[in-house]
N, C-alpha and C. Protein backbone atom coordinates (compact mmCIF):
# COMPACT_ATOMS: atom_id res chain seq x y z
N HIS A 1 3.81 9.57 9.66
CA HIS A 1 4.49 9.20 8.34
C HIS A 1 3.50 8.09 7.68
N TYR A 2 2.98 8.45 6.52
CA TYR A 2 2.25 7.49 5.76
C TYR A 2 3.13 6.69 4.37
N LYS A 3 2.89 5.65 4.57
CA LYS A 3 3.54 4.73 3.02
C LYS A 3 2.43 3.62 2.67
N LEU A 4 2.18 4.13 1.25
CA LEU A 4 1.37 3.04 0.82
C LEU A 4 2.32 2.09 -0.20
N THR A 5 2.29 0.73 -0.27
CA THR A 5 2.78 -0.24 -1.12
C THR A 5 2.02 -0.49 -1.74
N TYR A 6 2.23 -0.83 -3.00
CA TYR A 6 1.26 -1.26 -4.27
C TYR A 6 1.71 -1.53 -5.44
N PHE A 7 1.62 -2.11 -6.64
CA PHE A 7 1.71 -2.38 -7.70
C PHE A 7 1.79 -1.20 -8.58
N ASP A 8 2.59 -0.71 -9.57
CA ASP A 8 2.75 0.33 -10.53
C ASP A 8 1.73 0.29 -11.19
N LEU A 9 0.46 0.47 -10.60
CA LEU A 9 -0.71 0.30 -11.31
C LEU A 9 -1.96 1.22 -10.58
N ARG A 10 -2.99 1.40 -11.23
CA ARG A 10 -3.92 1.85 -10.50
C ARG A 10 -4.66 0.88 -9.51
N ALA A 11 -5.42 0.29 -10.06
CA ALA A 11 -6.44 -0.81 -9.45
C ALA A 11 -6.91 -0.31 -7.80
N ARG A 12 -6.68 -1.24 -7.33
CA ARG A 12 -6.92 -1.33 -5.73
C ARG A 12 -6.23 -0.14 -4.90
N GLY A 13 -5.11 0.43 -5.57
CA GLY A 13 -4.26 1.43 -4.45
C GLY A 13 -4.57 2.90 -5.02
N GLU A 14 -5.23 3.13 -6.27
CA GLU A 14 -5.67 4.35 -6.47
C GLU A 14 -6.55 4.93 -5.84
N PRO A 15 -7.79 4.46 -5.33
CA PRO A 15 -8.25 5.31 -4.47
C PRO A 15 -7.78 5.74 -2.87
N ILE A 16 -6.98 5.07 -2.66
CA ILE A 16 -5.83 5.56 -1.43
C ILE A 16 -5.56 6.44 -1.74
N ARG A 17 -4.26 6.61 -2.96
CA ARG A 17 -3.59 7.56 -3.36
C ARG A 17 -4.43 8.83 -3.30
N MET A 18 -5.81 8.48 -3.72
CA MET A 18 -6.57 9.86 -4.22
C MET A 18 -6.89 10.33 -3.00
N MET A 19 -7.32 9.63 -1.93
CA MET A 19 -7.77 10.15 -0.66
C MET A 19 -6.64 10.70 -0.21
N PHE A 20 -5.42 10.26 -0.16
CA PHE A 20 -4.46 11.51 0.37
C PHE A 20 -3.93 13.01 -0.13
N ALA A 21 -4.27 12.53 -1.81
CA ALA A 21 -3.98 13.78 -2.32
C ALA A 21 -5.07 14.88 -2.08
N ILE A 22 -6.06 14.55 -2.20
CA ILE A 22 -7.59 15.19 -1.70
C ILE A 22 -7.56 15.62 -0.62
N ALA A 23 -6.82 14.99 0.44
CA ALA A 23 -6.64 15.62 2.06
C ALA A 23 -5.65 16.40 2.01
N GLY A 24 -4.57 16.59 1.05
CA GLY A 24 -3.31 17.17 1.14
C GLY A 24 -2.25 16.40 2.25
N VAL A 25 -2.43 15.21 2.11
CA VAL A 25 -1.45 14.65 3.29
C VAL A 25 -0.49 13.94 2.34
N PRO A 26 0.56 14.22 3.36
CA PRO A 26 2.00 13.50 2.30
C PRO A 26 1.79 12.18 2.36
N LEU A 27 2.09 11.51 1.27
CA LEU A 27 2.17 9.88 0.99
C LEU A 27 3.59 9.51 0.49
N GLU A 28 4.23 8.61 1.49
CA GLU A 28 5.06 7.97 0.47
C GLU A 28 4.70 6.66 -0.44
N ASP A 29 4.83 7.14 -1.66
CA ASP A 29 3.92 6.01 -2.63
C ASP A 29 5.43 5.05 -3.29
N VAL A 30 5.42 3.63 -2.80
CA VAL A 30 6.15 2.84 -2.92
C VAL A 30 5.46 2.04 -3.97
N ARG A 31 5.77 1.88 -5.57
CA ARG A 31 5.30 0.91 -6.27
C ARG A 31 6.05 -0.28 -6.56
N ILE A 32 5.38 -1.27 -6.50
CA ILE A 32 6.22 -2.74 -6.66
C ILE A 32 6.25 -2.81 -8.10
N ASP A 33 7.38 -3.16 -8.56
CA ASP A 33 7.56 -3.33 -10.18
C ASP A 33 7.67 -4.74 -10.28
N GLY A 34 6.64 -5.46 -10.86
CA GLY A 34 6.74 -6.96 -11.41
C GLY A 34 6.27 -8.05 -10.24
N ARG A 35 6.25 -9.00 -10.80
CA ARG A 35 6.06 -10.39 -9.90
C ARG A 35 6.99 -10.79 -9.24
N LYS A 36 8.20 -10.57 -10.00
CA LYS A 36 9.16 -10.80 -8.88
C LYS A 36 9.44 -10.24 -7.63
N ASP A 37 9.41 -8.76 -7.64
CA ASP A 37 9.49 -8.00 -6.50
C ASP A 37 8.50 -8.99 -5.56
N TRP A 38 7.23 -8.75 -6.00
CA TRP A 38 6.06 -9.33 -5.20
C TRP A 38 6.40 -10.77 -4.86
N ILE A 39 6.89 -11.44 -5.37
CA ILE A 39 7.16 -12.89 -4.71
C ILE A 39 7.99 -12.41 -3.72
N ALA A 40 9.06 -12.01 -3.78
CA ALA A 40 9.97 -11.58 -2.62
C ALA A 40 9.46 -11.33 -1.76
N MET A 41 8.83 -10.13 -1.60
CA MET A 41 7.91 -9.55 -0.79
C MET A 41 7.27 -10.84 -0.14
N VAL A 42 6.31 -11.64 -0.50
CA VAL A 42 5.74 -12.43 0.26
C VAL A 42 6.78 -13.52 1.04
N LYS A 43 7.90 -14.01 0.29
CA LYS A 43 8.71 -15.16 0.70
C LYS A 43 9.18 -14.26 2.38
N ASN A 44 9.44 -12.90 2.12
CA ASN A 44 10.21 -12.07 3.34
C ASN A 44 8.93 -11.75 4.27
N LYS A 45 7.70 -12.28 4.12
CA LYS A 45 6.90 -11.85 5.19
C LYS A 45 6.53 -10.45 5.10
N VAL A 46 6.96 -9.47 4.28
CA VAL A 46 6.68 -8.31 4.36
C VAL A 46 5.40 -7.41 4.56
N THR A 47 4.47 -8.06 4.16
CA THR A 47 2.78 -7.91 4.42
C THR A 47 2.36 -8.82 5.17
N PRO A 48 1.38 -8.33 6.36
CA PRO A 48 0.98 -9.03 7.32
C PRO A 48 0.14 -9.99 6.69
N PHE A 49 -0.64 -10.20 5.40
CA PHE A 49 -1.57 -11.12 4.87
C PHE A 49 -1.23 -11.17 4.05
N ASP A 50 -0.11 -11.31 3.32
CA ASP A 50 0.37 -11.56 2.05
C ASP A 50 -0.74 -10.87 1.05
N THR A 51 -1.03 -9.53 1.09
CA THR A 51 -1.73 -9.16 0.14
C THR A 51 -1.73 -7.68 0.23
N LEU A 52 -1.80 -6.96 -1.19
CA LEU A 52 -1.61 -5.57 -1.19
C LEU A 52 -2.61 -4.63 -1.71
N PRO A 53 -3.20 -3.54 -1.44
CA PRO A 53 -2.40 -2.66 -1.04
C PRO A 53 -2.04 -2.47 0.37
N MET A 54 -0.93 -2.09 0.74
CA MET A 54 -0.61 -1.93 2.05
C MET A 54 -0.01 -0.57 2.92
N LEU A 55 -0.86 -0.14 3.87
CA LEU A 55 -0.72 1.34 4.28
C LEU A 55 0.08 1.01 5.37
N GLU A 56 1.12 1.81 5.31
CA GLU A 56 2.01 1.92 7.05
C GLU A 56 1.77 3.11 7.16
N VAL A 57 1.04 3.27 8.79
CA VAL A 57 0.95 4.30 9.67
C VAL A 57 1.80 4.34 10.63
N ASP A 58 2.98 5.10 10.58
CA ASP A 58 4.17 5.54 11.59
C ASP A 58 4.61 3.91 12.06
N GLY A 59 5.12 2.86 11.07
CA GLY A 59 5.37 1.92 11.07
C GLY A 59 4.51 0.68 11.08
N VAL A 60 3.09 0.87 11.36
CA VAL A 60 2.01 -0.19 11.96
C VAL A 60 1.42 -0.24 10.40
N LYS A 61 1.61 -1.83 9.81
CA LYS A 61 0.96 -2.27 8.73
C LYS A 61 -0.63 -2.50 8.72
N LEU A 62 -0.92 -1.78 7.93
CA LEU A 62 -2.43 -2.17 7.46
C LEU A 62 -2.65 -2.84 6.14
N ASP A 63 -3.57 -3.59 6.21
CA ASP A 63 -3.55 -3.90 4.62
C ASP A 63 -4.98 -4.10 3.88
N SER A 64 -5.31 -4.67 2.97
CA SER A 64 -7.00 -4.72 2.20
C SER A 64 -7.49 -3.16 1.91
N GLY A 65 -7.05 -2.76 0.56
CA GLY A 65 -7.43 -1.51 0.32
C GLY A 65 -8.72 -1.12 0.55
N ASN A 66 -9.90 -1.98 0.81
CA ASN A 66 -11.08 -0.77 1.02
C ASN A 66 -11.26 -0.74 2.21
N SER A 67 -10.91 -1.77 3.35
CA SER A 67 -10.88 -1.37 4.57
C SER A 67 -10.07 -0.18 4.79
N THR A 68 -8.86 0.06 4.49
CA THR A 68 -7.97 1.19 4.55
C THR A 68 -8.53 2.28 4.47
N LEU A 69 -9.33 2.44 3.38
CA LEU A 69 -10.17 3.71 3.24
C LEU A 69 -11.10 4.11 4.47
N HIS A 70 -11.44 2.99 5.31
CA HIS A 70 -12.58 3.46 6.27
C HIS A 70 -11.76 3.87 7.49
N ARG A 71 -10.56 3.61 7.61
CA ARG A 71 -9.82 3.66 8.73
C ARG A 71 -9.55 5.16 8.83
């Protein structure tokens, strides 16, 4: 199961979305809606290094968009 968490915009998350779409691999696309939600995620330590995009692969959290594309 693949799950991408990023803001509701293209930027750094879009290449990851495109990679999954081209490969035909299902992706749960979670879009963060605004600064308030992001601050709550940081306070709750949802991301490993307080950065987005974050890709979860079977529950294992990976982050840093460009390195995600190389994995």
